């Protein structure tokens, strides 16, 4: 199976980035002597001829959206090529292994999967197909290969970085570590990694950044689940990148508690080019934060916001405002907090519409606070259904979601969308104290750097 095109790597969606989920296994396969083809359905159409030529189609499913698309892709692949070996790999694959196998997938790989994928290709090339497919989760440090991006669409096809002056420039994406030390109960990583994380060598990360800069990137997203899980490694990565590319900027993701614990590092990260930090604030409700085991409080959010701003770095929160334990007052409070702390321009409106996702295997499945609200497992949607005890919350979530969707289609100013959501929240709670609207209390516009793709997870 060393012939070009006999392995087809397929990506469905990676948050608007050129898919590392294809580039990384492509690097491992190239080192083993293979020449895989690649297809990114986020920016390309399904190539039926490429599917018919392939002996193995490996579909990357690192997140829920990608998995939902990936199931449909697997069904289409099977219809086009009944004998092809279909493999799904990535974070979400093992969580839904049984479901994937029932939809025509032969092998399911997760964790540090790349070397397992190479071994699977070796077996298939030797005519030794696994009798009943393969399901494997590997949690061992790999001998990392440099990601191979030559077969992928150009970087300009993907999300851009929007700078403070409003200009849009080409952005790349890589990761300096995988897995996570923590056990946030709503996160899909702990069921698989169970508090472990693995660093990617500095030389490998730098080589990947170098290739993307050569392809036009002026900004890099370092998309580790938490860049500050290993602060020493994080600084080594940032220093190495800045040392070779002094004008290159970057963004990272980090927990609120890490931003506080490692606040002394923030000024240096800013000097090395960090424009903004995505942080999973999720909620301001102490009860919700405790159930999710987030490791921070409302007061900690203020502390982290103060620390990042003092360092000259923008904080961009991700949120889960709709959970079974969130109240109308919680949502109203969240709107007021965003206004009071001048976060409106740092908050993509879609974040105010997010409803808690509980996939099979989630740490929330058996949690005593979750069980009373849990309904049926919706296999088609790949999640457990739940209903809020206050029907007004479910109605509000639907209204906010529709408002955000309409605003996105109309390319509405996010402040206008925020004001509309504030009115919805006040109306739902029967309150008249909605935060002041922009027309009532004008504020100077504070442009916050961001990516053109608003989803964080």
Protein backbone atom coordinates (compact mmCIF):
# COMPACT_ATOMS: atom_id res chain seq x y z
CA UNK A 1 0.00 0.00 0.00
CA UNK A 2 2.93 2.36 -0.54
CA UNK A 3 1.42 3.71 -3.75
CA UNK A 4 0.20 7.34 -3.63
CA UNK A 5 -3.50 7.70 -2.93
CA UNK A 6 -4.09 4.26 -1.47
CA UNK A 7 -4.49 5.91 1.94
CA UNK A 8 -7.00 8.76 2.01
CA UNK A 9 -7.05 10.97 5.11
CA UNK A 10 -10.30 12.90 5.55
CA UNK A 11 -11.02 15.86 7.80
CA UNK A 12 -14.57 17.07 8.40
CA UNK A 13 -14.08 20.18 10.53
CA UNK A 14 -11.37 21.61 12.78
CA UNK A 15 -12.71 24.95 13.98
CA UNK A 16 -11.75 26.72 10.77
CA UNK A 17 -8.09 25.69 10.95
CA UNK A 18 -6.05 23.84 8.37
CA UNK A 19 -6.41 20.39 9.95
CA UNK A 20 -3.56 19.27 12.17
CA UNK A 21 -5.69 16.12 12.48
CA UNK A 22 -4.56 15.28 8.94
CA UNK A 23 -1.13 16.91 8.93
CA UNK A 24 0.09 14.96 11.97
CA UNK A 25 -0.82 11.43 10.78
CA UNK A 26 0.36 12.38 7.28
CA UNK A 27 3.78 13.09 8.79
CA UNK A 28 3.91 9.71 10.53
CA UNK A 29 2.76 7.92 7.37
CA UNK A 30 5.27 9.76 5.19
CA UNK A 31 8.07 8.76 7.58
CA UNK A 32 6.91 5.14 7.15
CA UNK A 33 7.14 5.42 3.38
CA UNK A 34 3.50 6.10 2.52
CA UNK A 35 2.14 8.91 0.35
CA UNK A 36 -1.36 9.54 1.71
CA UNK A 37 -3.86 11.72 -0.09
CA UNK A 38 -5.82 14.25 1.96
CA UNK A 39 -9.29 15.72 1.74
CA UNK A 40 -10.68 18.48 3.96
CA UNK A 41 -14.45 18.61 3.64
CA UNK A 42 -14.56 21.95 5.47
CA UNK A 43 -13.22 23.61 2.32
CA UNK A 44 -13.36 20.87 -0.35
CA UNK A 45 -16.04 18.70 -1.91
CA UNK A 46 -16.14 14.94 -1.50
CA UNK A 47 -13.87 13.41 -4.16
CA UNK A 48 -15.58 10.17 -5.18
CA UNK A 49 -12.71 9.10 -7.43
CA UNK A 50 -10.23 9.47 -4.56
CA UNK A 51 -12.48 7.28 -2.40
CA UNK A 52 -12.72 4.60 -5.05
CA UNK A 53 -8.92 4.54 -5.45
CA UNK A 54 -8.26 4.21 -1.71
CA UNK A 55 -7.78 0.95 0.17
CA UNK A 56 -8.15 2.72 3.52
CA UNK A 57 -10.13 5.87 4.27
CA UNK A 58 -9.18 7.33 7.65
CA UNK A 59 -11.58 9.99 8.96
CA UNK A 60 -10.45 12.47 11.62
CA UNK A 61 -13.07 13.13 14.35
CA UNK A 62 -11.45 15.35 17.00
CA UNK A 63 -14.71 17.04 18.07
CA UNK A 64 -18.48 16.60 18.14
CA UNK A 65 -19.25 18.51 14.94
CA UNK A 66 -16.58 16.59 13.04
CA UNK A 67 -17.96 13.30 14.35
CA UNK A 68 -21.51 14.04 13.23
CA UNK A 69 -20.25 14.90 9.75
CA UNK A 70 -17.84 11.96 9.84
CA UNK A 71 -20.64 9.43 10.36
CA UNK A 72 -22.35 10.63 7.21
CA UNK A 73 -19.05 10.58 5.34
CA UNK A 74 -18.39 6.98 6.44
CA UNK A 75 -21.81 5.94 5.14
CA UNK A 76 -21.11 7.64 1.81
CA UNK A 77 -17.67 6.06 1.57
CA UNK A 78 -19.10 2.60 2.22
CA UNK A 79 -21.71 3.11 -0.51
CA UNK A 80 -19.04 4.18 -3.01
CA UNK A 81 -16.49 1.52 -2.09
CA UNK A 82 -17.94 -1.51 -0.24
CA UNK A 83 -14.55 -3.18 0.31
CA UNK A 84 -12.58 -0.16 1.55
CA UNK A 85 -11.33 -0.22 5.16
CA UNK A 86 -12.80 2.74 7.04
CA UNK A 87 -11.04 4.01 10.14
CA UNK A 88 -12.21 6.82 12.43
CA UNK A 89 -9.54 8.37 14.63
CA UNK A 90 -9.26 11.23 17.08
CA UNK A 91 -10.63 12.34 20.45
CA UNK A 92 -14.29 11.56 19.79
CA UNK A 93 -13.82 8.22 18.02
CA UNK A 94 -13.41 5.93 21.10
CA UNK A 95 -16.30 7.65 22.91
CA UNK A 96 -18.59 6.50 20.10
CA UNK A 97 -16.87 3.30 19.02
CA UNK A 98 -19.94 1.08 19.12
CA UNK A 99 -22.02 3.60 17.21
CA UNK A 100 -19.32 4.06 14.57
CA UNK A 101 -18.94 0.30 14.09
CA UNK A 102 -22.70 0.04 13.58
CA UNK A 103 -22.42 2.61 10.79
CA UNK A 104 -19.85 0.77 8.73
CA UNK A 105 -16.60 1.88 10.38
CA UNK A 106 -14.05 -0.92 10.63
CA UNK A 107 -11.45 0.54 13.01
CA UNK A 108 -11.55 3.14 15.78
CA UNK A 109 -8.37 4.75 17.12
CA UNK A 110 -7.94 7.31 19.89
CA UNK A 111 -5.46 8.93 22.23
CA UNK A 112 -1.97 9.10 20.78
CA UNK A 113 -3.18 7.30 17.69
CA UNK A 114 -0.66 8.03 14.91
CA UNK A 115 1.61 5.03 15.31
CA UNK A 116 -1.43 2.75 15.61
CA UNK A 117 -2.67 4.15 12.31
CA UNK A 118 0.68 3.41 10.67
CA UNK A 119 0.55 -0.16 12.02
CA UNK A 120 -2.98 -0.57 10.69
CA UNK A 121 -1.84 0.58 7.24
CA UNK A 122 1.10 -1.85 7.40
CA UNK A 123 -1.24 -4.74 8.19
CA UNK A 124 -3.62 -3.85 5.40
CA UNK A 125 -0.73 -3.48 2.96
CA UNK A 126 0.42 -6.98 3.92
CA UNK A 127 -3.06 -8.37 3.36
CA UNK A 128 -3.55 -8.91 7.08
CA UNK A 129 -6.77 -7.03 7.74
CA UNK A 130 -7.88 -7.18 11.41
CA UNK A 131 -10.55 -9.91 11.59
CA UNK A 132 -13.11 -7.74 13.36
CA UNK A 133 -11.58 -4.36 12.76
CA UNK A 134 -9.64 -2.63 15.49
CA UNK A 135 -10.43 -0.45 18.47
CA UNK A 136 -7.39 0.95 20.22
CA UNK A 137 -6.69 3.82 22.61
CA UNK A 138 -3.01 4.46 23.13
CA UNK A 139 -1.74 6.67 25.94
CA UNK A 140 2.01 6.54 25.48
CA UNK A 141 4.40 9.21 24.35
CA UNK A 142 5.08 9.08 20.63
CA UNK A 143 8.21 9.58 18.58
CA UNK A 144 6.64 12.59 16.90
CA UNK A 145 7.06 13.23 13.21
CA UNK A 146 6.87 16.70 11.71
CA UNK A 147 3.34 17.35 10.45
CA UNK A 148 3.06 17.08 6.68
CA UNK A 149 0.81 19.74 5.12
CA UNK A 150 1.73 19.58 1.42
CA UNK A 151 -1.44 17.70 0.41
CA UNK A 152 -3.75 20.09 2.28
CA UNK A 153 -5.56 23.14 0.86
CA UNK A 154 -3.57 26.39 1.25
CA UNK A 155 -3.67 28.29 4.55
CA UNK A 156 -5.49 31.21 2.93
CA UNK A 157 -8.55 28.90 2.66
CA UNK A 158 -8.96 28.88 6.44
CA UNK A 159 -9.81 31.19 9.33
CA UNK A 160 -7.91 34.46 9.51
CA UNK A 161 -6.67 36.42 12.48
CA UNK A 162 -8.38 39.79 12.88
CA UNK A 163 -5.98 42.29 14.37
CA UNK A 164 -6.76 45.34 16.48
CA UNK A 165 -6.74 47.57 13.39
CA UNK A 166 -9.40 45.39 11.79
CA UNK A 167 -7.10 43.84 9.19
CA UNK A 168 -7.37 40.11 8.43
CA UNK A 169 -4.23 38.03 7.96
CA UNK A 170 -3.41 34.37 7.36
CA UNK A 171 -3.34 32.23 10.51
CA UNK A 172 -1.88 28.78 11.12
CA UNK A 173 -2.48 26.17 13.80
CA UNK A 174 -0.39 23.67 15.74
CA UNK A 175 -0.23 22.07 19.20
CA UNK A 176 2.58 21.87 21.73
CA UNK A 177 0.85 19.27 23.91
CA UNK A 178 -2.10 16.87 23.90
CA UNK A 179 -4.39 15.67 26.66
CA UNK A 180 -4.91 17.55 29.92
CA UNK A 181 -4.04 17.32 33.61
CA UNK A 182 -7.54 18.19 34.73
CA UNK A 183 -10.92 16.47 34.99
CA UNK A 184 -13.52 19.10 34.09
CA UNK A 185 -16.67 16.98 34.01
CA UNK A 186 -18.19 18.35 30.82
CA UNK A 187 -14.98 18.05 28.79
CA UNK A 188 -14.45 15.14 26.35
CA UNK A 189 -10.73 14.88 27.16
CA UNK A 190 -10.77 13.40 30.72
CA UNK A 191 -12.73 10.23 29.80
CA UNK A 192 -9.93 9.38 27.39
CA UNK A 193 -6.76 10.87 28.91
CA UNK A 194 -7.71 10.62 32.62
CA UNK A 195 -5.50 13.49 33.73
CA UNK A 196 -2.52 12.74 31.47
CA UNK A 197 -0.93 15.00 28.90
CA UNK A 198 1.89 14.56 26.41
CA UNK A 199 4.24 17.25 25.16
CA UNK A 200 5.29 17.62 21.54
CA UNK A 201 9.04 18.27 21.21
CA UNK A 202 10.04 21.89 20.63
CA UNK A 203 11.84 20.98 17.40
CA UNK A 204 8.70 19.34 15.95
CA UNK A 205 6.48 22.31 16.86
CA UNK A 206 9.01 24.78 15.50
CA UNK A 207 9.33 22.84 12.23
CA UNK A 208 5.55 22.92 11.82
CA UNK A 209 5.40 26.64 12.55
CA UNK A 210 8.25 27.22 10.10
CA UNK A 211 6.32 25.44 7.34
CA UNK A 212 3.19 27.48 8.00
CA UNK A 213 5.08 30.77 8.07
CA UNK A 214 6.58 29.81 4.69
CA UNK A 215 2.98 29.26 3.53
CA UNK A 216 2.00 32.79 4.57
CA UNK A 217 1.00 32.60 8.24
CA UNK A 218 1.58 35.73 10.32
CA UNK A 219 -0.19 34.30 13.37
CA UNK A 220 -0.31 30.83 14.95
CA UNK A 221 -2.98 29.33 17.18
CA UNK A 222 -1.31 27.08 19.73
CA UNK A 223 -4.41 24.99 20.25
CA UNK A 224 -3.40 22.74 23.15
CA UNK A 225 -6.34 21.92 25.45
CA UNK A 226 -4.38 23.97 28.00
CA UNK A 227 -1.11 25.57 26.93
CA UNK A 228 -0.12 26.10 30.57
CA UNK A 229 -0.46 22.47 31.68
CA UNK A 230 3.33 22.42 31.39
CA UNK A 231 4.44 26.06 31.88
CA UNK A 232 8.14 25.32 31.35
CA UNK A 233 7.45 23.61 28.04
CA UNK A 234 5.02 26.37 27.07
CA UNK A 235 7.65 29.07 27.60
CA UNK A 236 10.25 27.05 25.69
CA UNK A 237 7.86 26.81 22.74
CA UNK A 238 6.95 30.52 22.81
CA UNK A 239 10.58 31.58 23.13
CA UNK A 240 11.70 29.32 20.28
CA UNK A 241 8.98 30.60 17.96
CA UNK A 242 9.68 34.24 18.82
CA UNK A 243 13.43 33.71 18.47
CA UNK A 244 13.03 32.58 14.86
CA UNK A 245 10.00 34.69 13.94
CA UNK A 246 10.00 37.88 16.05
CA UNK A 247 6.99 39.42 14.28
CA UNK A 248 4.82 36.30 14.47
CA UNK A 249 1.90 36.54 16.89
CA UNK A 250 0.02 33.69 18.56
CA UNK A 251 -2.92 32.81 20.76
CA UNK A 252 -3.31 30.09 23.37
CA UNK A 253 -5.96 28.37 25.50
CA UNK A 254 -5.56 28.22 29.28
CA UNK A 255 -7.70 27.54 32.36
CA UNK A 256 -8.68 30.41 34.63
CA UNK A 257 -6.82 28.78 37.52
CA UNK A 258 -3.65 28.53 35.42
CA UNK A 259 -3.87 32.18 34.42
CA UNK A 260 -3.90 33.03 38.12
CA UNK A 261 -1.28 30.49 39.21
CA UNK A 262 1.09 31.47 36.39
CA UNK A 263 0.23 35.15 36.15
CA UNK A 264 3.92 36.04 36.47
CA UNK A 265 4.45 34.45 33.03
CA UNK A 266 1.83 36.57 31.28
CA UNK A 267 3.99 39.68 30.63
CA UNK A 268 6.65 37.53 28.97
CA UNK A 269 4.07 35.72 26.87
CA UNK A 270 2.79 39.12 25.75
CA UNK A 271 6.31 40.24 24.85
CA UNK A 272 6.77 37.04 22.84
CA UNK A 273 3.70 37.81 20.73
CA UNK A 274 0.64 36.45 22.57
CA UNK A 275 -2.37 38.46 21.33
CA UNK A 276 -5.19 36.76 23.17
CA UNK A 277 -6.02 33.82 25.42
CA UNK A 278 -9.12 31.67 25.16
CA UNK A 279 -10.27 30.52 28.58
CA UNK A 280 -13.15 28.19 29.46
CA UNK A 281 -14.95 30.46 31.92
CA UNK A 282 -18.16 28.49 31.17
CA UNK A 283 -20.32 30.06 33.89
CA UNK A 284 -20.34 32.59 36.72
CA UNK A 285 -22.62 30.45 38.91
CA UNK A 286 -20.72 28.95 41.80
CA UNK A 287 -23.04 25.94 41.76
CA UNK A 288 -22.53 25.26 38.06
CA UNK A 289 -18.77 25.73 38.33
CA UNK A 290 -18.63 23.24 41.21
CA UNK A 291 -20.69 20.62 39.36
CA UNK A 292 -18.47 20.98 36.28
CA UNK A 293 -15.38 20.82 38.53
CA UNK A 294 -13.89 23.85 36.79
CA UNK A 295 -11.47 24.71 39.57
CA UNK A 296 -12.31 28.42 39.62
CA UNK A 297 -14.88 30.83 41.03
CA UNK A 298 -16.55 33.98 39.78
CA UNK A 299 -13.99 36.04 41.70
CA UNK A 300 -11.21 34.09 40.00
CA UNK A 301 -12.57 35.11 36.60
CA UNK A 302 -12.21 38.77 37.60
CA UNK A 303 -8.67 38.10 38.85
CA UNK A 304 -7.68 36.37 35.61
CA UNK A 305 -9.22 39.14 33.54
CA UNK A 306 -7.29 41.75 35.51
CA UNK A 307 -4.03 39.82 35.16
CA UNK A 308 -4.30 39.28 31.41
CA UNK A 309 -5.25 42.88 30.74
CA UNK A 310 -2.40 44.13 32.91
CA UNK A 311 -0.04 42.07 30.73
CA UNK A 312 -1.56 43.50 27.54
CA UNK A 313 -3.27 40.26 26.49
CA UNK A 314 -6.96 40.03 25.64
CA UNK A 315 -9.02 37.37 27.40
CA UNK A 316 -11.66 35.70 25.22
CA UNK A 317 -14.04 33.60 27.34
CA UNK A 318 -15.78 30.46 26.15
CA UNK A 319 -19.09 29.77 27.85
CA UNK A 320 -21.72 27.12 28.54
CA UNK A 321 -24.59 29.34 29.73
CA UNK A 322 -27.28 26.68 29.41
CA UNK A 323 -26.96 23.73 31.78
CA UNK A 324 -29.64 21.95 33.86
CA UNK A 325 -28.54 24.01 36.88
CA UNK A 326 -28.28 27.47 35.31
CA UNK A 327 -31.10 29.90 36.08
CA UNK A 328 -32.62 32.90 34.35
CA UNK A 329 -30.93 35.08 36.94
CA UNK A 330 -27.59 33.41 36.11
CA UNK A 331 -27.99 34.28 32.44
CA UNK A 332 -29.08 37.83 33.22
CA UNK A 333 -26.06 38.12 35.52
CA UNK A 334 -23.73 36.86 32.78
CA UNK A 335 -25.00 39.55 30.41
CA UNK A 336 -24.48 42.21 33.09
CA UNK A 337 -20.98 40.90 33.89
CA UNK A 338 -19.95 41.08 30.22
CA UNK A 339 -21.15 44.67 30.03
CA UNK A 340 -19.67 45.74 33.38
CA UNK A 341 -16.26 44.26 32.61
CA UNK A 342 -16.14 45.51 29.00
CA UNK A 343 -16.16 42.00 27.54
CA UNK A 344 -18.78 42.56 24.85
CA UNK A 345 -16.17 42.94 22.11
CA UNK A 346 -14.20 39.95 23.43
CA UNK A 347 -17.21 37.64 23.44
CA UNK A 348 -18.46 36.02 20.25
CA UNK A 349 -22.28 36.06 20.45
CA UNK A 350 -22.48 32.33 19.75
CA UNK A 351 -20.95 31.74 23.18
CA UNK A 352 -24.17 33.02 24.73
CA UNK A 353 -26.16 30.28 22.97
CA UNK A 354 -24.16 27.20 23.98
CA UNK A 355 -26.09 24.35 25.58
CA UNK A 356 -24.31 21.68 27.64
CA UNK A 357 -23.36 18.64 25.57
CA UNK A 358 -23.25 15.28 27.37
CA UNK A 359 -21.75 12.65 25.04
CA UNK A 360 -21.59 8.95 25.93
CA UNK A 361 -18.71 8.36 28.32
CA UNK A 362 -18.91 11.88 29.74
CA UNK A 363 -17.93 12.23 33.39
CA UNK A 364 -21.35 13.86 33.86
CA UNK A 365 -23.28 10.74 32.84
CA UNK A 366 -23.43 9.23 36.31
CA UNK A 367 -23.09 12.43 38.32
CA UNK A 368 -25.89 12.72 40.90
CA UNK A 369 -26.62 16.32 39.83
CA UNK A 370 -27.01 15.21 36.19
CA UNK A 371 -29.03 12.02 36.56
CA UNK A 372 -32.41 13.66 37.40
CA UNK A 373 -32.25 15.65 34.15
CA UNK A 374 -30.87 13.00 31.81
CA UNK A 375 -33.21 11.67 29.16
CA UNK A 376 -32.57 9.23 26.33
CA UNK A 377 -29.34 8.72 24.46
CA UNK A 378 -29.85 10.30 21.05
CA UNK A 379 -27.39 8.27 18.99
CA UNK A 380 -28.07 10.25 15.83
CA UNK A 381 -27.12 13.48 17.66
CA UNK A 382 -24.34 11.63 19.55
CA UNK A 383 -25.39 13.01 22.92
CA UNK A 384 -27.64 12.41 25.91
CA UNK A 385 -30.80 14.51 25.81
CA UNK A 386 -31.65 16.59 28.84
CA UNK A 387 -34.45 18.99 29.74
CA UNK A 388 -34.20 22.00 32.00
CA UNK A 389 -36.52 21.93 35.02
CA UNK A 390 -37.51 25.51 34.14
CA UNK A 391 -39.00 25.46 30.62
CA UNK A 392 -38.27 29.16 30.28
CA UNK A 393 -34.54 28.35 30.12
CA UNK A 394 -34.97 25.96 27.20
CA UNK A 395 -37.15 28.56 25.45
CA UNK A 396 -34.53 31.24 26.07
CA UNK A 397 -31.76 29.04 24.69
CA UNK A 398 -33.74 28.45 21.50
CA UNK A 399 -34.42 32.18 21.15
CA UNK A 400 -30.79 33.14 21.72
CA UNK A 401 -29.60 30.47 19.27
CA UNK A 402 -32.00 31.74 16.59
CA UNK A 403 -30.94 35.35 17.21
CA UNK A 404 -27.26 34.45 16.90
CA UNK A 405 -27.85 32.40 13.74
CA UNK A 406 -29.80 35.21 12.06
CA UNK A 407 -27.20 37.76 13.10
CA UNK A 408 -24.38 35.66 11.65
CA UNK A 409 -26.18 35.37 8.31
CA UNK A 410 -26.73 39.13 8.26
CA UNK A 411 -23.13 39.78 9.38
CA UNK A 412 -24.53 41.93 12.15
CA UNK A 413 -22.31 43.95 14.47
CA UNK A 414 -21.75 41.72 17.55
CA UNK A 415 -22.68 44.61 19.85
CA UNK A 416 -26.08 44.80 18.20
CA UNK A 417 -26.48 41.05 18.69
CA UNK A 418 -25.43 41.37 22.32
CA UNK A 419 -28.04 44.06 22.89
CA UNK A 420 -30.73 41.84 21.35
CA UNK A 421 -29.72 38.93 23.60
CA UNK A 422 -29.76 41.25 26.63
CA UNK A 423 -33.35 42.18 25.84
CA UNK A 424 -34.29 38.51 25.46
CA UNK A 425 -32.74 37.72 28.84
CA UNK A 426 -34.49 40.58 30.61
CA UNK A 427 -37.84 39.68 29.04
CA UNK A 428 -37.48 35.99 29.96
CA UNK A 429 -36.69 36.88 33.58
CA UNK A 430 -39.45 39.49 33.76
CA UNK A 431 -36.93 42.17 34.59
CA UNK A 432 -36.49 45.74 33.46
CA UNK A 433 -32.85 46.18 34.44
CA UNK A 434 -31.20 45.01 31.23
CA UNK A 435 -27.64 46.30 30.82
CA UNK A 436 -27.51 49.68 29.05
CA UNK A 437 -27.57 49.37 25.28
CA UNK A 438 -24.86 50.91 23.16
CA UNK A 439 -27.17 53.68 22.00
CA UNK A 440 -27.90 54.63 25.61
CA UNK A 441 -24.40 54.48 27.04
CA UNK A 442 -21.85 54.88 24.24
CA UNK A 443 -18.40 53.46 24.90
CA UNK A 444 -15.25 53.73 22.83
CA UNK A 445 -14.96 50.72 20.56
CA UNK A 446 -12.23 48.41 21.85
CA UNK A 447 -11.17 46.09 19.07
CA UNK A 448 -10.14 42.74 20.51
CA UNK A 449 -7.97 40.47 18.31
CA UNK A 450 -9.72 37.28 17.33
CA UNK A 451 -10.07 34.60 14.67
CA UNK A 452 -12.75 34.83 12.01
CA UNK A 453 -14.08 31.41 13.12
CA UNK A 454 -16.05 32.05 16.35
CA UNK A 455 -16.24 28.46 17.66
CA UNK A 456 -13.79 27.45 20.38
CA UNK A 457 -14.69 23.79 20.88
